[in-house]
PDB file of N, CA and C in Angstrom:
ATOM      1  N   UNK A   1     117.808  32.001 114.436  1.00  0.00           N
ATOM      2  CA  UNK A   1     119.144  32.096 114.936  1.00  0.00           C
ATOM      3  C   UNK A   1     119.651  33.538 114.828  1.00  0.00           C
ATOM      4  N   UNK A   2     119.380  34.191 113.685  1.00  0.00           N
ATOM      5  CA  UNK A   2     119.810  35.580 113.522  1.00  0.00           C
ATOM      6  C   UNK A   2     119.129  36.488 114.537  1.00  0.00           C
ATOM      7  N   UNK A   3     117.888  36.190 114.814  1.00  0.00           N
ATOM      8  CA  UNK A   3     117.142  36.982 115.787  1.00  0.00           C
ATOM      9  C   UNK A   3     117.762  36.853 117.175  1.00  0.00           C
ATOM     10  N   UNK A   4     118.192  35.662 117.539  1.00  0.00           N
ATOM     11  CA  UNK A   4     118.804  35.445 118.842  1.00  0.00           C
ATOM     12  C   UNK A   4     120.145  36.197 118.933  1.00  0.00           C
ATOM     13  N   UNK A   5     120.941  36.179 117.879  1.00  0.00           N
ATOM     14  CA  UNK A   5     122.215  36.893 117.858  1.00  0.00           C
ATOM     15  C   UNK A   5     121.963  38.393 117.932  1.00  0.00           C
ATOM     16  N   UNK A   6     120.942  38.873 117.233  1.00  0.00           N
ATOM     17  CA  UNK A   6     120.593  40.290 117.252  1.00  0.00           C
ATOM     18  C   UNK A   6     120.186  40.721 118.662  1.00  0.00           C
ATOM     19  N   UNK A   7     119.373  39.903 119.342  1.00  0.00           N
ATOM     20  CA  UNK A   7     118.947  40.234 120.705  1.00  0.00           C
ATOM     21  C   UNK A   7     120.131  40.233 121.665  1.00  0.00           C
ATOM     22  N   UNK A   8     121.064  39.310 121.491  1.00  0.00           N
ATOM     23  CA  UNK A   8     122.245  39.287 122.347  1.00  0.00           C
ATOM     24  C   UNK A   8     123.102  40.538 122.115  1.00  0.00           C
ATOM     25  N   UNK A   9     123.234  40.915 120.847  1.00  0.00           N
ATOM     26  CA  UNK A   9     123.979  42.131 120.513  1.00  0.00           C
ATOM     27  C   UNK A   9     123.295  43.368 121.086  1.00  0.00           C
ATOM     28  N   UNK A  10     121.983  43.396 120.999  1.00  0.00           N
ATOM     29  CA  UNK A  10     121.216  44.515 121.540  1.00  0.00           C
ATOM     30  C   UNK A  10     121.386  44.590 123.061  1.00  0.00           C
ATOM     31  N   UNK A  11     121.363  43.464 123.737  1.00  0.00           N
ATOM     32  CA  UNK A  11     121.540  43.434 125.191  1.00  0.00           C
ATOM     33  C   UNK A  11     122.945  43.899 125.570  1.00  0.00           C
ATOM     34  N   UNK A  12     123.965  43.471 124.789  1.00  0.00           N
ATOM     35  CA  UNK A  12     125.341  43.883 125.067  1.00  0.00           C
ATOM     36  C   UNK A  12     125.497  45.389 124.866  1.00  0.00           C
ATOM     37  N   UNK A  13     124.901  45.925 123.820  1.00  0.00           N
ATOM     38  CA  UNK A  13     124.966  47.369 123.562  1.00  0.00           C
ATOM     39  C   UNK A  13     124.247  48.138 124.655  1.00  0.00           C
ATOM     40  N   UNK A  14     123.093  47.659 125.079  1.00  0.00           N
ATOM     41  CA  UNK A  14     122.348  48.311 126.155  1.00  0.00           C
ATOM     42  C   UNK A  14     123.154  48.304 127.455  1.00  0.00           C
ATOM     43  N   UNK A  15     123.799  47.188 127.764  1.00  0.00           N
ATOM     44  CA  UNK A  15     124.617  47.103 128.974  1.00  0.00           C
ATOM     45  C   UNK A  15     125.800  48.058 128.891  1.00  0.00           C
ATOM     46  N   UNK A  16     126.409  48.178 127.721  1.00  0.00           N
ATOM     47  CA  UNK A  16     127.535  49.099 127.535  1.00  0.00           C
ATOM     48  C   UNK A  16     127.099  50.544 127.732  1.00  0.00           C
ATOM     49  N   UNK A  17     125.964  50.904 127.159  1.00  0.00           N
ATOM     50  CA  UNK A  17     125.461  52.276 127.310  1.00  0.00           C
ATOM     51  C   UNK A  17     125.101  52.575 128.759  1.00  0.00           C
ATOM     52  N   UNK A  18     124.547  51.603 129.460  1.00  0.00           N
ATOM     53  CA  UNK A  18     124.232  51.777 130.876  1.00  0.00           C
ATOM     54  C   UNK A  18     125.513  51.984 131.683  1.00  0.00           C
ATOM     55  N   UNK A  19     126.552  51.220 131.370  1.00  0.00           N
ATOM     56  CA  UNK A  19     127.833  51.360 132.069  1.00  0.00           C
ATOM     57  C   UNK A  19     128.442  52.733 131.805  1.00  0.00           C
ATOM     58  N   UNK A  20     128.373  53.205 130.577  1.00  0.00           N
ATOM     59  CA  UNK A  20     128.909  54.530 130.236  1.00  0.00           C
ATOM     60  C   UNK A  20     128.138  55.617 130.964  1.00  0.00           C
ATOM     61  N   UNK A  21     126.829  55.467 131.037  1.00  0.00           N
ATOM     62  CA  UNK A  21     126.002  56.431 131.768  1.00  0.00           C
ATOM     63  C   UNK A  21     126.384  56.460 133.239  1.00  0.00           C
ATOM     64  N   UNK A  22     126.607  55.278 133.825  1.00  0.00           N
ATOM     65  CA  UNK A  22     127.013  55.206 135.227  1.00  0.00           C
ATOM     66  C   UNK A  22     128.364  55.858 135.450  1.00  0.00           C
ATOM     67  N   UNK A  23     129.295  55.671 134.513  1.00  0.00           N
ATOM     68  CA  UNK A  23     130.611  56.307 134.630  1.00  0.00           C
ATOM     69  C   UNK A  23     130.481  57.821 134.568  1.00  0.00           C
ATOM     70  N   UNK A  24     129.592  58.329 133.722  1.00  0.00           N
ATOM     71  CA  UNK A  24     129.374  59.770 133.619  1.00  0.00           C
ATOM     72  C   UNK A  24     128.828  60.323 134.936  1.00  0.00           C
ATOM     73  N   UNK A  25     127.851  59.635 135.522  1.00  0.00           N
ATOM     74  CA  UNK A  25     127.290  60.076 136.799  1.00  0.00           C
ATOM     75  C   UNK A  25     128.328  60.022 137.906  1.00  0.00           C
ATOM     76  N   UNK A  26     129.150  58.976 137.907  1.00  0.00           N
ATOM     77  CA  UNK A  26     130.221  58.881 138.905  1.00  0.00           C
ATOM     78  C   UNK A  26     131.217  60.020 138.751  1.00  0.00           C
ATOM     79  N   UNK A  27     131.523  60.375 137.505  1.00  0.00           N
ATOM     80  CA  UNK A  27     132.448  61.481 137.245  1.00  0.00           C
ATOM     81  C   UNK A  27     131.872  62.801 137.759  1.00  0.00           C
ATOM     82  N   UNK A  28     130.579  63.020 137.579  1.00  0.00           N
ATOM     83  CA  UNK A  28     129.947  64.239 138.098  1.00  0.00           C
ATOM     84  C   UNK A  28     130.047  64.284 139.617  1.00  0.00           C
ATOM     85  N   UNK A  29     129.777  63.157 140.255  1.00  0.00           N
ATOM     86  CA  UNK A  29     129.870  63.088 141.715  1.00  0.00           C
ATOM     87  C   UNK A  29     131.293  63.387 142.172  1.00  0.00           C
ATOM     88  N   UNK A  30     132.271  62.734 141.538  1.00  0.00           N
ATOM     89  CA  UNK A  30     133.662  62.927 141.943  1.00  0.00           C
ATOM     90  C   UNK A  30     134.127  64.358 141.706  1.00  0.00           C
ATOM     91  N   UNK A  31     133.689  64.972 140.607  1.00  0.00           N
ATOM     92  CA  UNK A  31     134.098  66.364 140.371  1.00  0.00           C
ATOM     93  C   UNK A  31     133.515  67.277 141.444  1.00  0.00           C
ATOM     94  N   UNK A  32     132.277  67.026 141.869  1.00  0.00           N
ATOM     95  CA  UNK A  32     131.691  67.807 142.969  1.00  0.00           C
ATOM     96  C   UNK A  32     132.433  67.560 144.276  1.00  0.00           C
ATOM     97  N   UNK A  33     132.801  66.310 144.512  1.00  0.00           N
ATOM     98  CA  UNK A  33     133.535  65.966 145.725  1.00  0.00           C
ATOM     99  C   UNK A  33     134.894  66.656 145.749  1.00  0.00           C
ATOM    100  N   UNK A  34     135.626  66.594 144.645  1.00  0.00           N
ATOM    101  CA  UNK A  34     136.945  67.230 144.586  1.00  0.00           C
ATOM    102  C   UNK A  34     136.831  68.745 144.712  1.00  0.00           C
ATOM    103  N   UNK A  35     135.803  69.326 144.111  1.00  0.00           N
ATOM    104  CA  UNK A  35     135.584  70.768 144.242  1.00  0.00           C
ATOM    105  C   UNK A  35     135.334  71.133 145.699  1.00  0.00           C
ATOM    106  N   UNK A  36     134.557  70.317 146.395  1.00  0.00           N
ATOM    107  CA  UNK A  36     134.289  70.566 147.815  1.00  0.00           C
ATOM    108  C   UNK A  36     135.571  70.430 148.635  1.00  0.00           C
ATOM    109  N   UNK A  37     136.347  69.389 148.371  1.00  0.00           N
ATOM    110  CA  UNK A  37     137.561  69.155 149.142  1.00  0.00           C
ATOM    111  C   UNK A  37     138.623  70.226 148.905  1.00  0.00           C
ATOM    112  N   UNK A  38     138.564  70.917 147.774  1.00  0.00           N
ATOM    113  CA  UNK A  38     139.532  71.965 147.473  1.00  0.00           C
ATOM    114  C   UNK A  38     139.189  73.297 148.139  1.00  0.00           C
ATOM    115  N   UNK A  39     138.026  73.396 148.751  1.00  0.00           N
ATOM    116  CA  UNK A  39     137.631  74.633 149.402  1.00  0.00           C
ATOM    117  C   UNK A  39     138.545  74.906 150.589  1.00  0.00           C
ATOM    118  N   UNK A  40     138.978  76.157 150.746  1.00  0.00           N
ATOM    119  CA  UNK A  40     139.841  76.469 151.895  1.00  0.00           C
ATOM    120  C   UNK A  40     139.062  76.337 153.202  1.00  0.00           C
ATOM    121  N   UNK A  41     139.761  75.919 154.219  1.00  0.00           N
ATOM    122  CA  UNK A  41     139.161  75.763 155.540  1.00  0.00           C
ATOM    123  C   UNK A  41     139.472  77.015 156.340  1.00  0.00           C
ATOM    124  N   UNK A  42     138.428  77.657 156.825  1.00  0.00           N
ATOM    125  CA  UNK A  42     138.611  78.858 157.622  1.00  0.00           C
ATOM    126  C   UNK A  42     139.060  78.491 159.027  1.00  0.00           C
ATOM    127  N   UNK A  43     139.866  79.346 159.600  1.00  0.00           N
ATOM    128  CA  UNK A  43     140.335  79.123 160.966  1.00  0.00           C
ATOM    129  C   UNK A  43     139.159  79.248 161.925  1.00  0.00           C
ATOM    130  N   UNK A  44     139.145  78.398 162.923  1.00  0.00           N
ATOM    131  CA  UNK A  44     138.097  78.449 163.940  1.00  0.00           C
ATOM    132  C   UNK A  44     138.238  79.725 164.758  1.00  0.00           C
ATOM    133  N   UNK A  45     137.122  80.393 165.014  1.00  0.00           N
ATOM    134  CA  UNK A  45     137.160  81.620 165.797  1.00  0.00           C
ATOM    135  C   UNK A  45     136.738  81.398 167.239  1.00  0.00           C
ATOM    136  N   UNK A  46     136.087  80.296 167.510  1.00  0.00           N
ATOM    137  CA  UNK A  46     135.613  80.025 168.861  1.00  0.00           C
ATOM    138  C   UNK A  46     136.663  79.327 169.710  1.00  0.00           C
ATOM    139  N   UNK A  47     136.381  79.276 170.988  1.00  0.00           N
ATOM    140  CA  UNK A  47     137.316  78.615 171.903  1.00  0.00           C
ATOM    141  C   UNK A  47     136.661  77.446 172.631  1.00  0.00           C
ATOM    142  N   UNK A  48     135.353  77.347 172.592  1.00  0.00           N
ATOM    143  CA  UNK A  48     134.676  76.262 173.306  1.00  0.00           C
ATOM    144  C   UNK A  48     134.881  74.939 172.589  1.00  0.00           C
ATOM    145  N   UNK A  49     135.172  73.916 173.342  1.00  0.00           N
ATOM    146  CA  UNK A  49     135.245  72.570 172.789  1.00  0.00           C
ATOM    147  C   UNK A  49     134.039  71.746 173.212  1.00  0.00           C
ATOM    148  N   UNK A  50     133.257  72.309 174.122  1.00  0.00           N
ATOM    149  CA  UNK A  50     132.086  71.614 174.624  1.00  0.00           C
ATOM    150  C   UNK A  50     131.071  72.674 175.042  1.00  0.00           C
ATOM    151  N   UNK A  51     129.805  72.391 174.830  1.00  0.00           N
ATOM    152  CA  UNK A  51     128.766  73.335 175.206  1.00  0.00           C
ATOM    153  C   UNK A  51     128.665  73.517 176.713  1.00  0.00           C
ATOM    154  N   UNK A  52     127.883  74.510 177.106  1.00  0.00           N
ATOM    155  CA  UNK A  52     127.704  74.781 178.532  1.00  0.00           C
ATOM    156  C   UNK A  52     127.077  73.594 179.256  1.00  0.00           C
ATOM    157  N   UNK A  53     126.213  72.882 178.548  1.00  0.00           N
ATOM    158  CA  UNK A  53     125.572  71.690 179.119  1.00  0.00           C
ATOM    159  C   UNK A  53     125.879  70.498 178.215  1.00  0.00           C
ATOM    160  N   UNK A  54     126.957  69.745 178.482  1.00  0.00           N
ATOM    161  CA  UNK A  54     127.296  68.604 177.619  1.00  0.00           C
ATOM    162  C   UNK A  54     126.118  67.643 177.491  1.00  0.00           C
ATOM    163  N   UNK A  55     125.899  67.159 176.284  1.00  0.00           N
ATOM    164  CA  UNK A  55     124.786  66.249 176.044  1.00  0.00           C
ATOM    165  C   UNK A  55     123.463  66.954 175.823  1.00  0.00           C
ATOM    166  N   UNK A  56     123.485  68.290 175.793  1.00  0.00           N
ATOM    167  CA  UNK A  56     122.267  69.074 175.625  1.00  0.00           C
ATOM    168  C   UNK A  56     121.742  69.012 174.201  1.00  0.00           C
ATOM    169  N   UNK A  57     122.588  68.669 173.248  1.00  0.00           N
ATOM    170  CA  UNK A  57     122.146  68.581 171.870  1.00  0.00           C
ATOM    171  C   UNK A  57     122.682  69.712 171.027  1.00  0.00           C
ATOM    172  N   UNK A  58     121.964  70.007 169.978  1.00  0.00           N
ATOM    173  CA  UNK A  58     122.365  71.004 169.000  1.00  0.00           C
ATOM    174  C   UNK A  58     121.478  72.233 169.135  1.00  0.00           C
ATOM    175  N   UNK A  59     122.097  73.393 169.212  1.00  0.00           N
ATOM    176  CA  UNK A  59     121.335  74.638 169.353  1.00  0.00           C
ATOM    177  C   UNK A  59     121.706  75.634 168.271  1.00  0.00           C
ATOM    178  N   UNK A  60     120.700  76.272 167.739  1.00  0.00           N
ATOM    179  CA  UNK A  60     120.847  77.446 166.879  1.00  0.00           C
ATOM    180  C   UNK A  60     120.086  78.539 167.603  1.00  0.00           C
ATOM    181  N   UNK A  61     120.728  79.638 167.892  1.00  0.00           N
ATOM    182  CA  UNK A  61     120.056  80.726 168.599  1.00  0.00           C
ATOM    183  C   UNK A  61     120.196  82.014 167.804  1.00  0.00           C
ATOM    184  N   UNK A  62     119.083  82.499 167.300  1.00  0.00           N
ATOM    185  CA  UNK A  62     118.991  83.767 166.580  1.00  0.00           C
ATOM    186  C   UNK A  62     119.962  83.815 165.399  1.00  0.00           C
ATOM    187  N   UNK A  63     119.945  82.771 164.583  1.00  0.00           N
ATOM    188  CA  UNK A  63     120.839  82.675 163.431  1.00  0.00           C
ATOM    189  C   UNK A  63     120.113  83.175 162.193  1.00  0.00           C
ATOM    190  N   UNK A  64     120.828  83.933 161.380  1.00  0.00           N
ATOM    191  CA  UNK A  64     120.305  84.423 160.106  1.00  0.00           C
ATOM    192  C   UNK A  64     121.307  84.108 159.011  1.00  0.00           C
ATOM    193  N   UNK A  65     120.841  84.122 157.767  1.00  0.00           N
ATOM    194  CA  UNK A  65     121.733  83.858 156.643  1.00  0.00           C
ATOM    195  C   UNK A  65     121.179  84.509 155.393  1.00  0.00           C
ATOM    196  N   UNK A  66     122.079  85.050 154.586  1.00  0.00           N
ATOM    197  CA  UNK A  66     121.707  85.538 153.262  1.00  0.00           C
ATOM    198  C   UNK A  66     122.835  85.213 152.310  1.00  0.00           C
ATOM    199  N   UNK A  67     122.479  84.967 151.062  1.00  0.00           N
ATOM    200  CA  UNK A  67     123.476  84.705 150.037  1.00  0.00           C
ATOM    201  C   UNK A  67     124.078  86.029 149.592  1.00  0.00           C
ATOM    202  N   UNK A  68     125.317  86.016 149.139  1.00  0.00           N
ATOM    203  CA  UNK A  68     125.944  87.275 148.704  1.00  0.00           C
ATOM    204  C   UNK A  68     125.102  87.971 147.634  1.00  0.00           C
ATOM    205  N   UNK A  69     124.817  89.236 147.872  1.00  0.00           N
ATOM    206  CA  UNK A  69     124.047  90.021 146.923  1.00  0.00           C
ATOM    207  C   UNK A  69     122.576  89.673 146.850  1.00  0.00           C
ATOM    208  N   UNK A  70     122.109  88.838 147.745  1.00  0.00           N
ATOM    209  CA  UNK A  70     120.716  88.412 147.681  1.00  0.00           C
ATOM    210  C   UNK A  70     119.940  88.784 148.921  1.00  0.00           C
ATOM    211  N   UNK A  71     118.678  88.450 148.880  1.00  0.00           N
ATOM    212  CA  UNK A  71     117.805  88.716 150.025  1.00  0.00           C
ATOM    213  C   UNK A  71     118.114  87.734 151.148  1.00  0.00           C
ATOM    214  N   UNK A  72     117.647  88.056 152.322  1.00  0.00           N
ATOM    215  CA  UNK A  72     117.844  87.179 153.473  1.00  0.00           C
ATOM    216  C   UNK A  72     117.003  85.924 153.294  1.00  0.00           C
ATOM    217  N   UNK A  73     117.664  84.770 153.390  1.00  0.00           N
ATOM    218  CA  UNK A  73     116.980  83.492 153.227  1.00  0.00           C
ATOM    219  C   UNK A  73     116.392  83.041 154.558  1.00  0.00           C
ATOM    220  N   UNK A  74     117.200  83.127 155.601  1.00  0.00           N
ATOM    221  CA  UNK A  74     116.756  82.767 156.943  1.00  0.00           C
ATOM    222  C   UNK A  74     116.989  83.957 157.854  1.00  0.00           C
ATOM    223  N   UNK A  75     116.034  84.224 158.736  1.00  0.00           N
ATOM    224  CA  UNK A  75     116.155  85.375 159.624  1.00  0.00           C
ATOM    225  C   UNK A  75     115.750  84.986 161.035  1.00  0.00           C
ATOM    226  N   UNK A  76     116.684  85.136 161.962  1.00  0.00           N
ATOM    227  CA  UNK A  76     116.434  84.951 163.390  1.00  0.00           C
ATOM    228  C   UNK A  76     115.854  83.568 163.708  1.00  0.00           C
ATOM    229  N   UNK A  77     116.545  82.517 163.243  1.00  0.00           N
ATOM    230  CA  UNK A  77     116.106  81.144 163.477  1.00  0.00           C
ATOM    231  C   UNK A  77     116.668  80.652 164.808  1.00  0.00           C
ATOM    232  N   UNK A  78     115.819  80.097 165.649  1.00  0.00           N
ATOM    233  CA  UNK A  78     116.246  79.456 166.883  1.00  0.00           C
ATOM    234  C   UNK A  78     115.753  78.017 166.844  1.00  0.00           C
ATOM    235  N   UNK A  79     116.641  77.081 167.208  1.00  0.00           N
ATOM    236  CA  UNK A  79     116.344  75.670 167.082  1.00  0.00           C
ATOM    237  C   UNK A  79     117.119  74.914 168.150  1.00  0.00           C
ATOM    238  N   UNK A  80     116.470  73.963 168.797  1.00  0.00           N
ATOM    239  CA  UNK A  80     117.146  73.121 169.783  1.00  0.00           C
ATOM    240  C   UNK A  80     116.756  71.679 169.529  1.00  0.00           C
ATOM    241  N   UNK A  81     117.751  70.866 169.149  1.00  0.00           N
ATOM    242  CA  UNK A  81     117.532  69.438 168.933  1.00  0.00           C
ATOM    243  C   UNK A  81     118.247  68.670 170.028  1.00  0.00           C
ATOM    244  N   UNK A  82     117.497  67.933 170.810  1.00  0.00           N
ATOM    245  CA  UNK A  82     118.099  67.136 171.870  1.00  0.00           C
ATOM    246  C   UNK A  82     118.530  65.788 171.300  1.00  0.00           C
ATOM    247  N   UNK A  83     119.501  65.117 171.927  1.00  0.00           N
ATOM    248  CA  UNK A  83     119.947  63.810 171.430  1.00  0.00           C
ATOM    249  C   UNK A  83     118.791  62.824 171.329  1.00  0.00           C
ATOM    250  N   UNK A  84     118.725  62.125 170.211  1.00  0.00           N
ATOM    251  CA  UNK A  84     117.677  61.138 169.977  1.00  0.00           C
ATOM    252  C   UNK A  84     116.403  61.711 169.390  1.00  0.00           C
ATOM    253  N   UNK A  85     116.296  63.028 169.295  1.00  0.00           N
ATOM    254  CA  UNK A  85     115.105  63.670 168.762  1.00  0.00           C
ATOM    255  C   UNK A  85     115.169  63.677 167.240  1.00  0.00           C
ATOM    256  N   UNK A  86     114.036  63.521 166.582  1.00  0.00           N
ATOM    257  CA  UNK A  86     113.941  63.589 165.130  1.00  0.00           C
ATOM    258  C   UNK A  86     113.226  64.866 164.732  1.00  0.00           C
ATOM    259  N   UNK A  87     113.577  65.361 163.555  1.00  0.00           N
ATOM    260  CA  UNK A  87     112.967  66.581 163.051  1.00  0.00           C
ATOM    261  C   UNK A  87     112.765  66.429 161.552  1.00  0.00           C
ATOM    262  N   UNK A  88     111.619  66.829 161.054  1.00  0.00           N
ATOM    263  CA  UNK A  88     111.348  66.828 159.617  1.00  0.00           C
ATOM    264  C   UNK A  88     111.272  68.270 159.145  1.00  0.00           C
ATOM    265  N   UNK A  89     111.984  68.568 158.077  1.00  0.00           N
ATOM    266  CA  UNK A  89     111.927  69.895 157.468  1.00  0.00           C
ATOM    267  C   UNK A  89     111.055  69.809 156.234  1.00  0.00           C
ATOM    268  N   UNK A  90     109.983  70.546 156.227  1.00  0.00           N
ATOM    269  CA  UNK A  90     109.084  70.574 155.078  1.00  0.00           C
ATOM    270  C   UNK A  90     108.829  72.019 154.698  1.00  0.00           C
ATOM    271  N   UNK A  91     108.559  72.225 153.445  1.00  0.00           N
ATOM    272  CA  UNK A  91     108.261  73.575 152.988  1.00  0.00           C
ATOM    273  C   UNK A  91     108.352  73.653 151.480  1.00  0.00           C
ATOM    274  N   UNK A  92     107.956  74.780 150.961  1.00  0.00           N
ATOM    275  CA  UNK A  92     107.978  74.993 149.519  1.00  0.00           C
ATOM    276  C   UNK A  92     109.412  75.140 149.019  1.00  0.00           C
ATOM    277  N   UNK A  93     109.579  75.003 147.704  1.00  0.00           N
ATOM    278  CA  UNK A  93     110.885  75.242 147.100  1.00  0.00           C
ATOM    279  C   UNK A  93     111.332  76.658 147.431  1.00  0.00           C
ATOM    280  N   UNK A  94     112.598  76.794 147.811  1.00  0.00           N
ATOM    281  CA  UNK A  94     113.140  78.118 148.097  1.00  0.00           C
ATOM    282  C   UNK A  94     112.832  78.635 149.484  1.00  0.00           C
ATOM    283  N   UNK A  95     112.301  77.785 150.359  1.00  0.00           N
ATOM    284  CA  UNK A  95     111.939  78.268 151.693  1.00  0.00           C
ATOM    285  C   UNK A  95     113.096  78.192 152.693  1.00  0.00           C
ATOM    286  N   UNK A  96     114.253  77.609 152.289  1.00  0.00           N
ATOM    287  CA  UNK A  96     115.426  77.609 153.149  1.00  0.00           C
ATOM    288  C   UNK A  96     115.766  76.284 153.798  1.00  0.00           C
ATOM    289  N   UNK A  97     115.125  75.189 153.386  1.00  0.00           N
ATOM    290  CA  UNK A  97     115.397  73.885 154.003  1.00  0.00           C
ATOM    291  C   UNK A  97     116.847  73.458 153.788  1.00  0.00           C
ATOM    292  N   UNK A  98     117.304  73.490 152.557  1.00  0.00           N
ATOM    293  CA  UNK A  98     118.671  73.073 152.248  1.00  0.00           C
ATOM    294  C   UNK A  98     119.674  74.027 152.873  1.00  0.00           C
ATOM    295  N   UNK A  99     119.376  75.301 152.868  1.00  0.00           N
ATOM    296  CA  UNK A  99     120.272  76.287 153.477  1.00  0.00           C
ATOM    297  C   UNK A  99     120.427  76.002 154.966  1.00  0.00           C
ATOM    298  N   UNK A 100     119.336  75.669 155.641  1.00  0.00           N
ATOM    299  CA  UNK A 100     119.401  75.346 157.068  1.00  0.00           C
ATOM    300  C   UNK A 100     120.288  74.126 157.310  1.00  0.00           C
ATOM    301  N   UNK A 101     120.153  73.091 156.495  1.00  0.00           N
ATOM    302  CA  UNK A 101     120.983  71.891 156.640  1.00  0.00           C
ATOM    303  C   UNK A 101     122.450  72.241 156.409  1.00  0.00           C
ATOM    304  N   UNK A 102     122.723  73.071 155.420  1.00  0.00           N
ATOM    305  CA  UNK A 102     124.112  73.452 155.151  1.00  0.00           C
ATOM    306  C   UNK A 102     124.680  74.307 156.280  1.00  0.00           C
ATOM    307  N   UNK A 103     123.846  75.079 156.930  1.00  0.00           N
ATOM    308  CA  UNK A 103     124.302  75.826 158.102  1.00  0.00           C
ATOM    309  C   UNK A 103     124.592  74.886 159.265  1.00  0.00           C
ATOM    310  N   UNK A 104     123.719  73.912 159.478  1.00  0.00           N
ATOM    311  CA  UNK A 104     123.909  72.957 160.573  1.00  0.00           C
ATOM    312  C   UNK A 104     125.184  72.145 160.401  1.00  0.00           C
ATOM    313  N   UNK A 105     125.538  71.830 159.164  1.00  0.00           N
ATOM    314  CA  UNK A 105     126.740  71.035 158.901  1.00  0.00           C
ATOM    315  C   UNK A 105     127.971  71.905 158.678  1.00  0.00           C
ATOM    316  N   UNK A 106     127.813  73.220 158.846  1.00  0.00           N
ATOM    317  CA  UNK A 106     128.893  74.204 158.723  1.00  0.00           C
ATOM    318  C   UNK A 106     129.461  74.304 157.314  1.00  0.00           C
ATOM    319  N   UNK A 107     128.674  73.908 156.299  1.00  0.00           N
ATOM    320  CA  UNK A 107     129.075  74.177 154.925  1.00  0.00           C
ATOM    321  C   UNK A 107     128.906  75.660 154.628  1.00  0.00           C
ATOM    322  N   UNK A 108     127.945  76.288 155.282  1.00  0.00           N
ATOM    323  CA  UNK A 108     127.762  77.740 155.234  1.00  0.00           C
ATOM    324  C   UNK A 108     128.006  78.274 156.638  1.00  0.00           C
ATOM    325  N   UNK A 109     128.412  79.524 156.724  1.00  0.00           N
ATOM    326  CA  UNK A 109     128.662  80.143 158.020  1.00  0.00           C
ATOM    327  C   UNK A 109     127.514  81.087 158.370  1.00  0.00           C
ATOM    328  N   UNK A 110     126.861  80.855 159.499  1.00  0.00           N
ATOM    329  CA  UNK A 110     125.731  81.689 159.907  1.00  0.00           C
ATOM    330  C   UNK A 110     126.213  83.016 160.483  1.00  0.00           C
ATOM    331  N   UNK A 111     125.286  83.931 160.642  1.00  0.00           N
ATOM    332  CA  UNK A 111     125.590  85.124 161.411  1.00  0.00           C
ATOM    333  C   UNK A 111     124.474  85.342 162.415  1.00  0.00           C
ATOM    334  N   UNK A 112     124.788  86.063 163.443  1.00  0.00           N
ATOM    335  CA  UNK A 112     123.870  86.236 164.563  1.00  0.00           C
ATOM    336  C   UNK A 112     123.042  87.500 164.389  1.00  0.00           C
ATOM    337  N   UNK A 113     122.139  87.730 165.319  1.00  0.00           N
ATOM    338  CA  UNK A 113     121.287  88.906 165.303  1.00  0.00           C
ATOM    339  C   UNK A 113     122.134  90.179 165.291  1.00  0.00           C
ATOM    340  N   UNK A 114     123.220  90.191 166.067  1.00  0.00           N
ATOM    341  CA  UNK A 114     124.084  91.368 166.123  1.00  0.00           C
ATOM    342  C   UNK A 114     124.759  91.625 164.760  1.00  0.00           C
ATOM    343  N   UNK A 115     125.178  90.553 164.090  1.00  0.00           N
ATOM    344  CA  UNK A 115     125.763  90.692 162.739  1.00  0.00           C
ATOM    345  C   UNK A 115     124.716  91.238 161.781  1.00  0.00           C
ATOM    346  N   UNK A 116     123.463  90.759 161.910  1.00  0.00           N
ATOM    347  CA  UNK A 116     122.386  91.205 161.037  1.00  0.00           C
ATOM    348  C   UNK A 116     122.118  92.694 161.223  1.00  0.00           C
ATOM    349  N   UNK A 117     122.126  93.160 162.452  1.00  0.00           N
ATOM    350  CA  UNK A 117     121.873  94.587 162.733  1.00  0.00           C
ATOM    351  C   UNK A 117     122.996  95.435 162.133  1.00  0.00           C
ATOM    352  N   UNK A 118     124.249  94.941 162.216  1.00  0.00           N
ATOM    353  CA  UNK A 118     125.382  95.684 161.666  1.00  0.00           C
ATOM    354  C   UNK A 118     125.314  95.788 160.157  1.00  0.00           C
ATOM    355  N   UNK A 119     124.678  94.853 159.489  1.00  0.00           N
ATOM    356  CA  UNK A 119     124.594  94.870 158.026  1.00  0.00           C
ATOM    357  C   UNK A 119     123.659  95.949 157.640  1.00  0.00           C
TER     358      UNK A 119
END
């Protein structure tokens, strides 16, 4: 009987610790979310609301990116994804996969070949 009570207590303690761990992970997620939402939104500089060929998909033409004070991560990338097309990004750690995704989602701001030459 004591063994059964001990196992029930152990299960309750394990469930409590799991719940606390989940709350900690949720708090980390929410703090990252709130930090992201607090970022200032830059004013749009473009005037186009639609590409030259509507339905043409997503285009990156001669886009480069470097982190402040760092080396160039991506240089002169051109990419065209048509609607319904799939693409897999593979490569070694530090090869720019995540940076490319952040550029595509406009979390980072790219610069063009002309901006790169001016730097």
